[in-house]
Amino acid sequence: MNRREILATIGAVALSAGSARTALAEAPRRGGVLTVQLNGEQRVLNPAIRASTGVYIITSKIMEALVDLDKDGKPSPVLATSWEAAPDGKTITFKLREGVTWHDGKPFTSADVQYTAMEMWKKYLNYGTQLQQYLDAVDTPDANTAVFRYSRPMPTDLLLRALCDLGYIAPKHVFEGTNVLENPANTAPIGTGPFKFVQYERGQYVIAERNPNYWRKEFPYLDRIVWRFITDKAAATAALETGQVLTSEYNALALADLDRLKSDKRFTVSSRGLEANAFNNTLEFNTRRKELSDVRVRRAIAHAIDVPFFIENFIYGEGKPATGPIPSSSTAFYPEGSKPPYEFDVKRSNALLDEAGYKRASGGIRFSLKLVPIQNGEDVPLLATFIQQSLQNVGIRVEIVNLDNAGALATVYREWNFDLATGWHQYRGDPAVSTTVWYRSGSPRGAPWTNQYGWQSDAVDKLVDDAAAELDPAKRKALYAQWVKAVNEEIPVWMMTERTFLAATSKKVKNDHNYPRWGSGDWHDTWVEG
C-alpha cells in the first residue's frame, strides 16, 4: 500500500544566574506573548511524577530541575549550583542555589529536593522509579545541601544527564501529607521557574505569566506564554501561518505541512534545539498472549513489516531503520557495526509462524491480534494501519483500537488490555535514563513507557543494573552492547525507526532553539519581535 491508500484506510541550559545561553545579535525586546501549539494534552502538569515531552513543553517553564543542558549539550547548573561524587560513586552531594523562592513565596530548600526524590521520583515517576531504585536516602545537612546516598554506584554523568528530564523539583509544603497523585498542584503547578501558572482550561489552553521574583535577575523577557491545544492538524498549520501561534514543537504539525513550510521564508523548520530527544517508532508485544509469548512469532511479525518502505512513503524519508534501542547519534553508547536486526522478509516470516505451530486456517488466517496506537503523532495511526496490512499478508488479522492519548496509555500500561501497541520511544542521552526501563522488569503497574508486557529476563535485568552502576565509561559501553544484542534477539519491544523531531517556528521568535533541549527548556531568554 502507498501513503494515499493508507490515509484513505484510516480516514484521514540553563546557565548561571543572570546570563543568557548565547550572545544575542540584537537587543532583546521585553514583553510580549509567545503562543505555542500543542496537538494534545497529558492531563498532568507535574514533571516530578510524569516524564513526557508533552508535560515538559509546558511545565519546564514553571518548575525547574536541578540541572539542564547548555548549548553544547553538557549539564549546567539550575537549582543545583555544583555537585561532587565520592570515589565509590555511592554518594553525590549537590549544593543548591540560595535565595530561590517558590511562586507562593515560600523558600526553596534541600527539604524540597529530599521530598521530591524519595516521594515522587522513586515512587511514581515513570522513568525515575528505575533510575532511583538504589537511592536509599537524601540527607539534608543544611538548607542548601542535598546528599544523595545510593546502595550501588551511580555514575555522575548518568545522573546529571538524567536529571535534566528526571530532576524537576516539587514543593514539599504543597504535597506533603496529601495523596500525591491527586494533589491539585498536579494540574495547577507551583514552581520556581521564570513563569508562574495562571490557568488551565481543559481542551483549550494553558497560560503562564512572568515571574517578577525569578532568581535570574532581568529574566524572563516574555510577559506571558499561552499553550493552545489544537488537535486538528490543518487548523494548527493555519494558526501558525496566520500568526495565531508562533511555534509548534515535536512534530505536532502534519508531516506534509512541515515539509512544505521548509520553503516558507517566514518560518524555520528544523530539528535544531530538539537534538536531545531522538526517537523511535515502536512495536510493543503483550507476551501474556499465548501466540506472542513465543519469540518466533514476535520475530515473524518484525520480518513481515517493510520499515524502509514506511519511512520513504509515509514519513517523507525523515528517519532510517533502527538497529536497536540506542540511536546512532549516541556515540558514547552505540554498538559499532550495528545493523537492523529484522530485515523485511515475508518468506522468513511465514516460515517462523509455521514453525511456531500457527498454520493458516480457512481463509488464510492464523490468528487475530488487537493493536492499540498511542497517538503521539500522525505517523502512529499510519504505522498502525501499515502494520495491519503487512500482517494480513502473513495470515495475522489485526484489529486497531483507536483511543485518545490518555485512554491508550491507560489501556496499555495500566490495564494491559492489548496485544500489540505502537507509539514513540524517546532516547535522552544515556540508555539508563529512559530506554532500559522499556525492557527491565519491576516498574510499577501503570507507569507509561515502561515494561508492562509480561516479559522478564534475569539476564537482561542484570545487564541493565550492572551497566547503570558501572563507573568506567568503556565498560559501560561494552555492557550496553551486550544488552542491545540480548533485547534485539528477544524483541519484547521492537524499535523500528530512528528519527529526530522537527519544530516549525515563526522567525519573529528570537533566541530560540539555542540548546539541544530547548523544546523542553525554560525559555527564560527567549523573546518575540514586536
Protein backbone atom coordinates (compact mmCIF):
# COMPACT_ATOMS: atom_id res chain seq x y z
CA MET A 1 0.00 0.00 0.00
CA ASN A 2 1.12 3.58 -0.61
CA ARG A 3 0.57 6.62 1.60
CA ARG A 4 -2.66 7.67 -0.16
CA GLU A 5 -4.20 4.22 0.23
CA ILE A 6 -3.38 4.04 3.94
CA LEU A 7 -4.65 7.58 4.52
CA ALA A 8 -7.89 6.52 2.88
CA THR A 9 -8.00 3.41 5.02
CA ILE A 10 -7.67 5.30 8.32
CA GLY A 11 -9.86 8.22 7.35
CA ALA A 12 -7.83 10.70 7.00
CA VAL A 13 20.70 25.00 29.73
CA ALA A 14 20.37 26.78 31.80
CA LEU A 15 23.47 28.78 32.65
CA SER A 16 24.42 30.68 35.80
CA ALA A 17 22.19 33.42 37.21
CA GLY A 18 21.71 36.49 35.10
CA SER A 19 23.24 35.27 31.83
CA ALA A 20 21.73 34.13 28.56
CA ARG A 21 22.85 30.96 26.76
CA THR A 22 24.13 32.65 23.65
CA ALA A 23 25.28 36.08 22.62
CA LEU A 24 22.35 37.96 21.12
CA ALA A 25 22.76 39.54 17.70
CA GLU A 26 20.24 42.25 18.60
CA ALA A 27 18.91 43.75 21.80
CA PRO A 28 16.06 41.65 23.21
CA ARG A 29 12.59 43.08 23.42
CA ARG A 30 10.89 42.86 26.78
CA GLY A 31 7.24 41.95 26.99
CA GLY A 32 5.07 40.17 24.51
CA VAL A 33 3.30 36.84 24.35
CA LEU A 34 4.65 33.60 22.94
CA THR A 35 1.85 31.32 21.72
CA VAL A 36 2.58 27.61 21.33
CA GLN A 37 0.56 24.98 19.50
CA LEU A 38 0.15 21.57 21.15
CA ASN A 39 -1.58 18.64 19.48
CA GLY A 40 -2.80 17.01 22.71
CA GLU A 41 -2.81 17.25 26.47
CA GLN A 42 -1.39 14.94 29.13
CA ARG A 43 -3.86 15.98 31.89
CA VAL A 44 -0.88 16.04 34.27
CA LEU A 45 1.35 19.11 34.65
CA ASN A 46 3.85 17.78 37.17
CA PRO A 47 7.15 16.59 35.64
CA ALA A 48 8.21 15.17 39.02
CA ILE A 49 5.63 12.38 38.58
CA ARG A 50 5.20 12.24 34.79
CA ALA A 51 8.15 12.24 32.39
CA SER A 52 6.97 13.28 28.95
CA THR A 53 7.75 16.00 26.42
CA GLY A 54 4.02 16.75 26.48
CA VAL A 55 4.48 17.72 30.13
CA TYR A 56 7.92 19.34 29.81
CA ILE A 57 6.90 21.65 26.99
CA ILE A 58 4.59 23.39 29.46
CA THR A 59 5.86 22.93 32.98
CA SER A 60 9.60 23.28 32.33
CA LYS A 61 8.84 26.98 32.18
CA ILE A 62 7.10 26.84 35.57
CA MET A 63 9.01 24.17 37.52
CA GLU A 64 12.77 23.70 37.43
CA ALA A 65 15.21 20.82 37.57
CA LEU A 66 18.49 20.60 39.42
CA VAL A 67 20.39 20.81 36.12
CA ASP A 68 19.71 21.35 32.43
CA LEU A 69 21.80 21.22 29.25
CA ASP A 70 23.87 24.10 27.93
CA LYS A 71 24.32 25.00 24.26
CA ASP A 72 26.96 22.28 23.92
CA GLY A 73 24.70 19.61 25.39
CA LYS A 74 26.54 19.42 28.72
CA PRO A 75 24.84 19.51 32.14
CA SER A 76 24.71 23.02 33.53
CA PRO A 77 23.52 24.42 36.91
CA VAL A 78 19.91 25.40 37.57
CA LEU A 79 18.60 24.75 41.08
CA ALA A 80 21.85 22.96 41.85
CA THR A 81 24.95 25.13 41.55
CA SER A 82 27.60 22.40 41.91
CA TRP A 83 27.97 18.69 42.63
CA GLU A 84 30.63 16.29 43.84
CA ALA A 85 30.73 12.49 43.85
CA ALA A 86 32.55 10.21 46.27
CA PRO A 87 35.16 7.91 44.66
CA ASP A 88 32.93 4.86 45.12
CA GLY A 89 30.04 6.58 43.30
CA LYS A 90 27.60 5.91 46.14
CA THR A 91 27.39 9.45 47.47
CA ILE A 92 26.73 12.54 45.34
CA THR A 93 26.47 15.93 47.03
CA PHE A 94 24.59 18.83 45.47
CA LYS A 95 24.99 22.42 46.54
CA LEU A 96 21.73 24.26 45.95
CA ARG A 97 21.06 27.77 44.76
CA GLU A 98 20.39 30.23 47.56
CA GLY A 99 17.71 32.90 47.59
CA VAL A 100 15.24 30.97 45.39
CA THR A 101 11.54 31.15 46.28
CA TRP A 102 8.53 29.18 45.18
CA HIS A 103 5.82 31.04 43.31
CA ASP A 104 3.76 31.16 46.53
CA GLY A 105 6.62 32.93 48.31
CA LYS A 106 7.95 30.02 50.37
CA PRO A 107 11.73 29.43 50.28
CA PHE A 108 13.21 26.63 48.18
CA THR A 109 15.42 24.37 50.34
CA SER A 110 17.08 20.97 50.41
CA ALA A 111 13.93 19.61 52.07
CA ASP A 112 12.12 20.05 48.75
CA VAL A 113 14.83 18.06 46.98
CA GLN A 114 14.73 15.29 49.59
CA TYR A 115 10.93 15.02 49.47
CA THR A 116 10.72 15.07 45.67
CA ALA A 117 13.45 12.46 45.20
CA MET A 118 12.13 9.99 47.77
CA GLU A 119 8.36 10.53 47.47
CA MET A 120 7.95 11.30 43.76
CA TRP A 121 10.89 10.25 41.60
CA LYS A 122 11.44 6.98 43.42
CA LYS A 123 7.77 6.05 43.80
CA TYR A 124 5.86 7.46 40.85
CA LEU A 125 7.99 8.98 38.09
CA ASN A 126 7.75 6.63 35.12
CA TYR A 127 11.49 6.64 34.36
CA GLY A 128 12.60 7.78 37.80
CA THR A 129 11.49 4.59 39.52
CA GLN A 130 14.20 2.64 37.68
CA LEU A 131 16.83 5.35 37.77
CA GLN A 132 16.45 5.84 41.52
CA GLN A 133 15.76 2.24 42.57
CA TYR A 134 19.05 2.11 44.51
CA LEU A 135 18.65 5.55 46.07
CA ASP A 136 18.49 4.84 49.81
CA ALA A 137 18.26 8.35 51.20
CA VAL A 138 18.75 12.06 50.59
CA ASP A 139 20.42 13.75 53.55
CA THR A 140 19.88 17.46 54.19
CA PRO A 141 22.72 18.69 56.45
CA ASP A 142 21.63 22.27 55.78
CA ALA A 143 19.08 24.17 53.71
CA ASN A 144 21.39 24.42 50.70
CA THR A 145 22.92 20.93 50.61
CA ALA A 146 21.37 17.65 49.42
CA VAL A 147 23.39 14.44 49.73
CA PHE A 148 22.16 11.54 47.59
CA ARG A 149 23.12 8.15 49.04
CA TYR A 150 22.98 5.03 46.86
CA SER A 151 23.40 1.35 47.71
CA ARG A 152 25.05 0.81 44.30
CA PRO A 153 27.39 3.16 42.44
CA MET A 154 25.66 5.89 40.43
CA PRO A 155 27.81 7.26 37.56
CA THR A 156 27.81 11.04 37.87
CA ASP A 157 27.50 11.59 34.12
CA LEU A 158 24.43 9.35 34.06
CA LEU A 159 22.75 11.09 36.97
CA LEU A 160 23.40 14.59 35.65
CA ARG A 161 22.14 13.74 32.17
CA ALA A 162 19.08 12.06 33.66
CA LEU A 163 18.26 14.94 35.97
CA CYS A 164 17.71 17.27 33.02
CA ASP A 165 14.48 15.34 32.41
CA LEU A 166 14.02 13.43 35.67
CA GLY A 167 15.21 16.06 38.13
CA TYR A 168 12.33 18.51 38.42
CA ILE A 169 11.70 19.64 41.99
CA ALA A 170 8.24 19.99 43.53
CA PRO A 171 7.38 21.99 46.69
CA LYS A 172 7.31 19.77 49.77
CA HIS A 173 4.95 22.10 51.63
CA VAL A 174 2.34 21.68 48.88
CA PHE A 175 2.46 17.88 48.60
CA GLU A 176 3.47 16.52 52.00
CA GLY A 177 0.61 14.78 53.80
CA THR A 178 -1.57 14.62 50.68
CA ASN A 179 -2.37 11.99 48.08
CA VAL A 180 0.47 12.87 45.72
CA LEU A 181 -1.23 11.60 42.59
CA GLU A 182 -4.46 13.50 43.30
CA ASN A 183 -2.99 16.76 44.57
CA PRO A 184 -4.48 19.80 42.76
CA ALA A 185 -0.95 21.11 42.13
CA ASN A 186 -0.54 18.38 39.52
CA THR A 187 -2.75 20.49 37.23
CA ALA A 188 -2.01 23.92 38.73
CA PRO A 189 1.77 23.66 39.27
CA ILE A 190 3.74 25.78 41.73
CA GLY A 191 7.38 26.12 40.79
CA THR A 192 10.49 28.27 40.97
CA GLY A 193 10.73 28.93 37.23
CA PRO A 194 10.62 32.08 35.11
CA PHE A 195 6.87 31.81 34.55
CA LYS A 196 4.00 31.38 37.03
CA PHE A 197 0.99 29.20 36.30
CA VAL A 198 -2.23 31.17 35.75
CA GLN A 199 -4.90 28.96 34.18
CA TYR A 200 -5.54 25.56 32.63
CA GLU A 201 -8.72 25.35 30.56
CA ARG A 202 -9.12 21.69 29.62
CA GLY A 203 -9.01 21.07 25.92
CA GLN A 204 -8.30 24.72 25.13
CA TYR A 205 -5.21 26.34 26.65
CA VAL A 206 -2.73 26.77 29.48
CA ILE A 207 -1.47 30.22 30.48
CA ALA A 208 1.62 31.23 32.46
CA GLU A 209 2.85 34.74 33.20
CA ARG A 210 6.19 36.33 34.00
CA ASN A 211 7.57 35.58 37.48
CA PRO A 212 8.66 39.00 38.81
CA ASN A 213 10.73 37.37 41.56
CA TYR A 214 12.68 35.00 39.36
CA TRP A 215 16.20 34.26 40.64
CA ARG A 216 17.76 35.09 37.28
CA LYS A 217 17.62 38.85 37.54
CA GLU A 218 16.27 40.68 34.48
CA PHE A 219 14.68 37.49 33.18
CA PRO A 220 12.41 36.35 31.63
CA TYR A 221 11.86 38.66 28.69
CA LEU A 222 8.36 37.46 27.83
CA ASP A 223 5.28 38.62 29.71
CA ARG A 224 3.26 35.52 29.02
CA ILE A 225 3.23 32.11 27.35
CA VAL A 226 -0.01 30.63 26.05
CA TRP A 227 -0.13 26.95 25.04
CA ARG A 228 -3.09 26.25 22.76
CA PHE A 229 -4.39 22.73 22.26
CA ILE A 230 -5.11 22.47 18.54
CA THR A 231 -5.58 18.83 17.64
CA ASP A 232 -6.75 19.35 14.05
CA LYS A 233 -3.52 19.48 12.08
CA ALA A 234 -4.89 21.62 9.27
CA ALA A 235 -6.16 24.13 11.80
CA ALA A 236 -2.81 24.02 13.62
CA THR A 237 -0.88 24.85 10.46
CA ALA A 238 -3.34 27.63 9.63
CA ALA A 239 -2.85 29.06 13.13
CA LEU A 240 0.91 29.15 12.58
CA GLU A 241 0.63 30.70 9.11
CA THR A 242 -1.75 33.43 10.32
CA GLY A 243 0.32 34.23 13.41
CA GLN A 244 -2.17 32.92 15.97
CA VAL A 245 0.61 30.66 17.23
CA LEU A 246 4.34 31.25 16.86
CA THR A 247 5.85 27.80 17.36
CA SER A 248 4.93 24.13 17.12
CA GLU A 249 7.34 21.60 18.62
CA TYR A 250 7.93 17.84 18.48
CA ASN A 251 6.29 17.02 15.13
CA ALA A 252 2.94 18.46 16.22
CA LEU A 253 2.09 19.56 12.67
CA ALA A 254 1.26 17.34 9.74
CA LEU A 255 4.37 15.89 8.14
CA ALA A 256 3.22 17.21 4.76
CA ASP A 257 2.93 20.72 6.18
CA LEU A 258 6.32 20.52 7.88
CA ASP A 259 7.81 19.51 4.55
CA ARG A 260 6.03 22.40 2.79
CA LEU A 261 6.90 25.02 5.41
CA LYS A 262 10.61 24.33 4.95
CA SER A 263 10.44 26.56 1.87
CA ASP A 264 8.40 29.34 3.54
CA LYS A 265 10.75 32.17 4.48
CA ARG A 266 8.55 33.24 7.40
CA PHE A 267 9.38 30.08 9.36
CA THR A 268 12.23 27.88 10.43
CA VAL A 269 11.58 24.13 10.23
CA SER A 270 14.39 22.21 11.84
CA SER A 271 15.48 19.63 14.40
CA ARG A 272 17.80 22.22 15.96
CA GLY A 273 17.02 22.60 19.66
CA LEU A 274 15.45 19.14 19.79
CA GLU A 275 18.59 17.03 19.33
CA ALA A 276 18.49 15.75 22.91
CA ASN A 277 15.33 13.78 22.14
CA ALA A 278 16.00 11.29 19.35
CA PHE A 279 13.04 8.93 19.00
CA ASN A 280 11.87 5.65 17.55
CA ASN A 281 8.61 4.25 16.28
CA THR A 282 7.91 1.24 18.48
CA LEU A 283 6.02 -2.03 18.31
CA GLU A 284 5.31 -3.48 21.76
CA PHE A 285 4.22 -7.08 22.37
CA ASN A 286 1.99 -8.24 25.22
CA THR A 287 3.66 -11.58 25.89
CA ARG A 288 0.78 -12.65 28.16
CA ARG A 289 -0.92 -13.53 24.89
CA LYS A 290 -0.08 -17.16 24.08
CA GLU A 291 1.00 -16.54 20.50
CA LEU A 292 3.16 -13.53 21.41
CA SER A 293 4.89 -15.38 24.25
CA ASP A 294 6.75 -17.30 21.52
CA VAL A 295 9.76 -15.29 20.36
CA ARG A 296 9.46 -16.88 16.91
CA VAL A 297 6.10 -15.16 16.46
CA ARG A 298 7.50 -11.81 17.56
CA ARG A 299 10.38 -12.20 15.10
CA ALA A 300 7.98 -13.25 12.36
CA ILE A 301 5.94 -10.09 12.88
CA ALA A 302 9.08 -7.97 12.60
CA HIS A 303 10.15 -9.69 9.38
CA ALA A 304 6.70 -9.05 7.87
CA ILE A 305 6.98 -5.24 8.03
CA ASP A 306 8.90 -3.28 5.39
CA VAL A 307 10.32 -0.45 7.53
CA PRO A 308 12.31 1.30 4.74
CA PHE A 309 9.14 1.43 2.64
CA PHE A 310 7.23 3.01 5.53
CA ILE A 311 9.94 5.63 6.09
CA GLU A 312 10.18 6.59 2.44
CA ASN A 313 6.47 6.65 1.65
CA PHE A 314 4.78 7.80 4.85
CA ILE A 315 7.17 10.00 6.84
CA TYR A 316 8.87 11.81 3.95
CA GLY A 317 12.15 10.00 4.43
CA GLU A 318 12.59 11.56 7.89
CA GLY A 319 14.41 8.67 9.53
CA LYS A 320 16.08 5.32 8.95
CA PRO A 321 15.60 1.74 10.17
CA ALA A 322 16.77 1.42 13.78
CA THR A 323 19.46 -1.05 14.76
CA GLY A 324 18.21 -1.29 18.35
CA PRO A 325 17.15 0.87 21.26
CA ILE A 326 20.33 3.02 21.24
CA PRO A 327 20.40 5.51 18.33
CA SER A 328 23.46 6.04 16.18
CA SER A 329 23.66 9.66 17.40
CA SER A 330 24.57 8.36 20.88
CA THR A 331 28.23 7.86 20.08
CA ALA A 332 29.17 7.15 23.70
CA PHE A 333 27.00 4.01 23.74
CA TYR A 334 26.10 2.98 20.20
CA PRO A 335 27.42 -0.53 19.40
CA GLU A 336 29.80 -0.24 16.49
CA GLY A 337 28.85 -2.01 13.29
CA SER A 338 25.17 -2.35 14.26
CA LYS A 339 22.63 -3.30 11.61
CA PRO A 340 18.82 -3.55 11.65
CA PRO A 341 18.10 -6.91 13.31
CA TYR A 342 14.98 -7.80 11.30
CA GLU A 343 15.09 -7.17 7.57
CA PHE A 344 11.86 -7.31 5.59
CA ASP A 345 11.44 -10.97 4.60
CA VAL A 346 7.91 -12.32 4.11
CA LYS A 347 9.18 -15.82 3.31
CA ARG A 348 11.09 -15.94 6.61
CA SER A 349 8.06 -14.56 8.46
CA ASN A 350 5.76 -17.28 7.12
CA ALA A 351 8.33 -19.98 7.91
CA LEU A 352 8.66 -18.81 11.54
CA LEU A 353 4.89 -18.77 12.01
CA ASP A 354 4.61 -22.27 10.57
CA GLU A 355 7.47 -23.44 12.79
CA ALA A 356 5.71 -21.99 15.84
CA GLY A 357 2.67 -24.14 15.03
CA TYR A 358 0.30 -21.46 13.74
CA LYS A 359 -0.79 -22.82 10.39
CA ARG A 360 -3.19 -20.92 8.18
CA ALA A 361 -6.81 -21.87 8.72
CA SER A 362 -9.64 -21.50 6.21
CA GLY A 363 -9.49 -18.00 4.80
CA GLY A 364 -5.73 -17.96 5.31
CA ILE A 365 -5.85 -16.54 8.85
CA ARG A 366 -3.56 -17.95 11.54
CA PHE A 367 -4.83 -15.86 14.50
CA SER A 368 -6.07 -12.36 15.33
CA LEU A 369 -4.50 -9.58 17.43
CA LYS A 370 -5.67 -6.27 18.89
CA LEU A 371 -3.41 -3.27 18.28
CA VAL A 372 -3.62 -0.04 20.35
CA PRO A 373 -1.87 3.01 18.84
CA ILE A 374 -0.59 5.52 21.41
CA GLN A 375 -1.29 8.67 19.42
CA ASN A 376 1.96 10.60 19.81
CA GLY A 377 1.96 11.84 16.24
CA GLU A 378 0.23 11.45 12.88
CA ASP A 379 2.69 8.74 11.85
CA VAL A 380 1.44 6.46 14.64
CA PRO A 381 -2.01 5.69 13.14
CA LEU A 382 -0.35 5.49 9.73
CA LEU A 383 2.08 2.91 11.06
CA ALA A 384 -0.72 1.04 12.83
CA THR A 385 -2.56 0.64 9.54
CA PHE A 386 0.64 -0.28 7.72
CA ILE A 387 1.27 -2.98 10.35
CA GLN A 388 -2.32 -4.19 9.96
CA GLN A 389 -1.94 -4.56 6.19
CA SER A 390 1.54 -6.08 6.46
CA LEU A 391 0.48 -8.76 8.94
CA GLN A 392 -2.59 -9.60 6.87
CA ASN A 393 -0.14 -10.76 4.21
CA VAL A 394 1.28 -13.41 6.55
CA GLY A 395 -2.06 -14.56 7.91
CA ILE A 396 -2.43 -12.42 11.06
CA ARG A 397 -5.62 -10.42 11.36
CA VAL A 398 -5.18 -7.14 13.27
CA GLU A 399 -7.96 -5.08 14.83
CA ILE A 400 -6.96 -1.46 15.52
CA VAL A 401 -8.44 0.08 18.67
CA ASN A 402 -8.24 3.87 18.46
CA LEU A 403 -8.38 5.79 21.76
CA ASP A 404 -7.33 9.25 22.87
CA ASN A 405 -3.82 9.57 24.27
CA ALA A 406 -4.81 9.22 27.93
CA GLY A 407 -7.09 6.26 27.18
CA ALA A 408 -4.41 4.47 25.15
CA LEU A 409 -1.81 4.94 27.90
CA ALA A 410 -4.20 3.52 30.50
CA THR A 411 -5.23 0.61 28.27
CA VAL A 412 -1.66 -0.46 27.53
CA TYR A 413 0.28 0.36 30.69
CA ARG A 414 -2.27 0.06 33.48
CA GLU A 415 -4.96 -2.32 32.21
CA TRP A 416 -2.68 -4.43 29.96
CA ASN A 417 -5.66 -4.74 27.61
CA PHE A 418 -3.76 -5.04 24.33
CA ASP A 419 -1.88 -7.50 22.15
CA LEU A 420 0.23 -5.03 20.18
CA ALA A 421 0.87 -1.34 20.82
CA THR A 422 2.67 1.22 18.73
CA GLY A 423 3.90 4.68 19.66
CA TRP A 424 7.16 6.51 20.30
CA HIS A 425 10.21 5.88 22.44
CA GLN A 426 12.47 8.83 23.23
CA TYR A 427 16.17 8.47 23.90
CA ARG A 428 17.58 11.01 26.33
CA GLY A 429 21.35 10.80 26.01
CA ASP A 430 22.04 7.73 28.17
CA PRO A 431 20.34 4.30 27.95
CA ALA A 432 19.67 4.29 31.70
CA VAL A 433 17.62 7.49 31.58
CA SER A 434 14.52 6.43 29.66
CA THR A 435 15.41 3.45 27.48
CA THR A 436 16.36 0.41 29.56
CA VAL A 437 13.14 0.91 31.54
CA TRP A 438 11.27 -0.31 28.44
CA TYR A 439 12.89 -3.71 28.99
CA ARG A 440 13.76 -4.08 32.67
CA SER A 441 11.15 -5.70 34.88
CA GLY A 442 9.89 -4.14 38.09
CA SER A 443 8.31 -0.86 37.05
CA PRO A 444 5.07 -0.13 38.92
CA ARG A 445 1.92 -1.01 37.04
CA GLY A 446 0.53 1.98 35.17
CA ALA A 447 3.88 3.74 34.61
CA PRO A 448 3.81 4.88 30.97
CA TRP A 449 6.54 3.80 28.56
CA THR A 450 7.88 1.05 30.78
CA ASN A 451 7.95 -2.75 30.58
CA GLN A 452 4.32 -3.71 31.11
CA TYR A 453 4.42 -6.60 28.61
CA GLY A 454 4.54 -9.63 30.92
CA TRP A 455 8.10 -10.25 29.71
CA GLN A 456 11.06 -10.69 32.04
CA SER A 457 14.67 -11.79 31.67
CA ASP A 458 17.07 -12.22 34.60
CA ALA A 459 20.00 -11.75 32.21
CA VAL A 460 18.61 -8.52 30.79
CA ASP A 461 17.75 -7.19 34.25
CA LYS A 462 21.30 -7.89 35.40
CA LEU A 463 22.85 -6.21 32.36
CA VAL A 464 20.66 -3.15 32.93
CA ASP A 465 21.63 -2.91 36.60
CA ASP A 466 25.32 -3.60 36.04
CA ALA A 467 25.60 -1.03 33.24
CA ALA A 468 23.79 1.63 35.26
CA ALA A 469 26.21 1.14 38.17
CA GLU A 470 29.44 0.87 36.16
CA LEU A 471 31.72 3.88 36.66
CA ASP A 472 34.17 3.06 33.84
CA PRO A 473 32.81 4.51 30.52
CA ALA A 474 34.40 1.82 28.32
CA LYS A 475 32.95 -0.97 30.44
CA ARG A 476 29.54 0.69 30.45
CA LYS A 477 29.56 0.84 26.64
CA ALA A 478 30.52 -2.85 26.43
CA LEU A 479 27.72 -3.84 28.80
CA TYR A 480 25.19 -1.89 26.75
CA ALA A 481 26.39 -3.62 23.58
CA GLN A 482 25.61 -6.96 25.25
CA TRP A 483 22.23 -5.60 26.36
CA VAL A 484 21.31 -4.41 22.85
CA LYS A 485 22.16 -7.84 21.42
CA ALA A 486 20.00 -9.57 24.05
CA VAL A 487 16.91 -7.38 23.65
CA ASN A 488 17.15 -7.42 19.85
CA GLU A 489 17.07 -11.21 19.99
CA GLU A 490 14.19 -11.42 22.47
CA ILE A 491 12.29 -8.45 20.95
CA PRO A 492 9.67 -7.71 23.65
CA VAL A 493 9.72 -4.25 22.06
CA TRP A 494 10.84 -3.57 18.52
CA MET A 495 12.43 -0.17 17.91
CA MET A 496 11.51 0.12 14.25
CA THR A 497 12.78 3.52 13.13
CA GLU A 498 15.40 6.05 14.23
CA ARG A 499 14.27 9.68 13.90
CA THR A 500 14.71 13.26 15.09
CA PHE A 501 11.88 15.66 15.92
CA LEU A 502 11.05 18.75 13.88
CA ALA A 503 9.78 22.13 15.06
CA ALA A 504 8.19 24.89 12.99
CA THR A 505 8.77 28.36 14.40
CA SER A 506 7.99 31.87 13.25
CA LYS A 507 11.09 33.96 12.67
CA LYS A 508 9.53 36.55 14.98
CA VAL A 509 10.67 34.31 17.86
CA LYS A 510 14.21 35.17 18.88
CA ASN A 511 16.89 33.38 20.86
CA ASP A 512 15.00 30.16 20.30
CA HIS A 513 16.21 26.59 19.86
CA ASN A 514 19.61 27.63 21.17
CA TYR A 515 20.42 24.44 23.05
CA PRO A 516 19.55 20.78 22.43
CA ARG A 517 16.69 20.62 24.94
CA TRP A 518 15.02 23.91 24.03
CA GLY A 519 11.57 22.47 23.37
CA SER A 520 11.54 21.17 26.94
CA GLY A 521 13.54 24.07 28.35
CA ASP A 522 12.59 27.13 30.39
CA TRP A 523 12.63 29.86 27.67
CA HIS A 524 13.86 32.44 30.16
CA ASP A 525 15.96 34.18 27.49
CA THR A 526 13.54 33.82 24.56
CA TRP A 527 11.76 36.89 23.24
CA VAL A 528 9.35 37.90 20.49
CA GLU A 529 9.86 40.56 17.86
CA GLY A 530 7.37 43.42 18.03
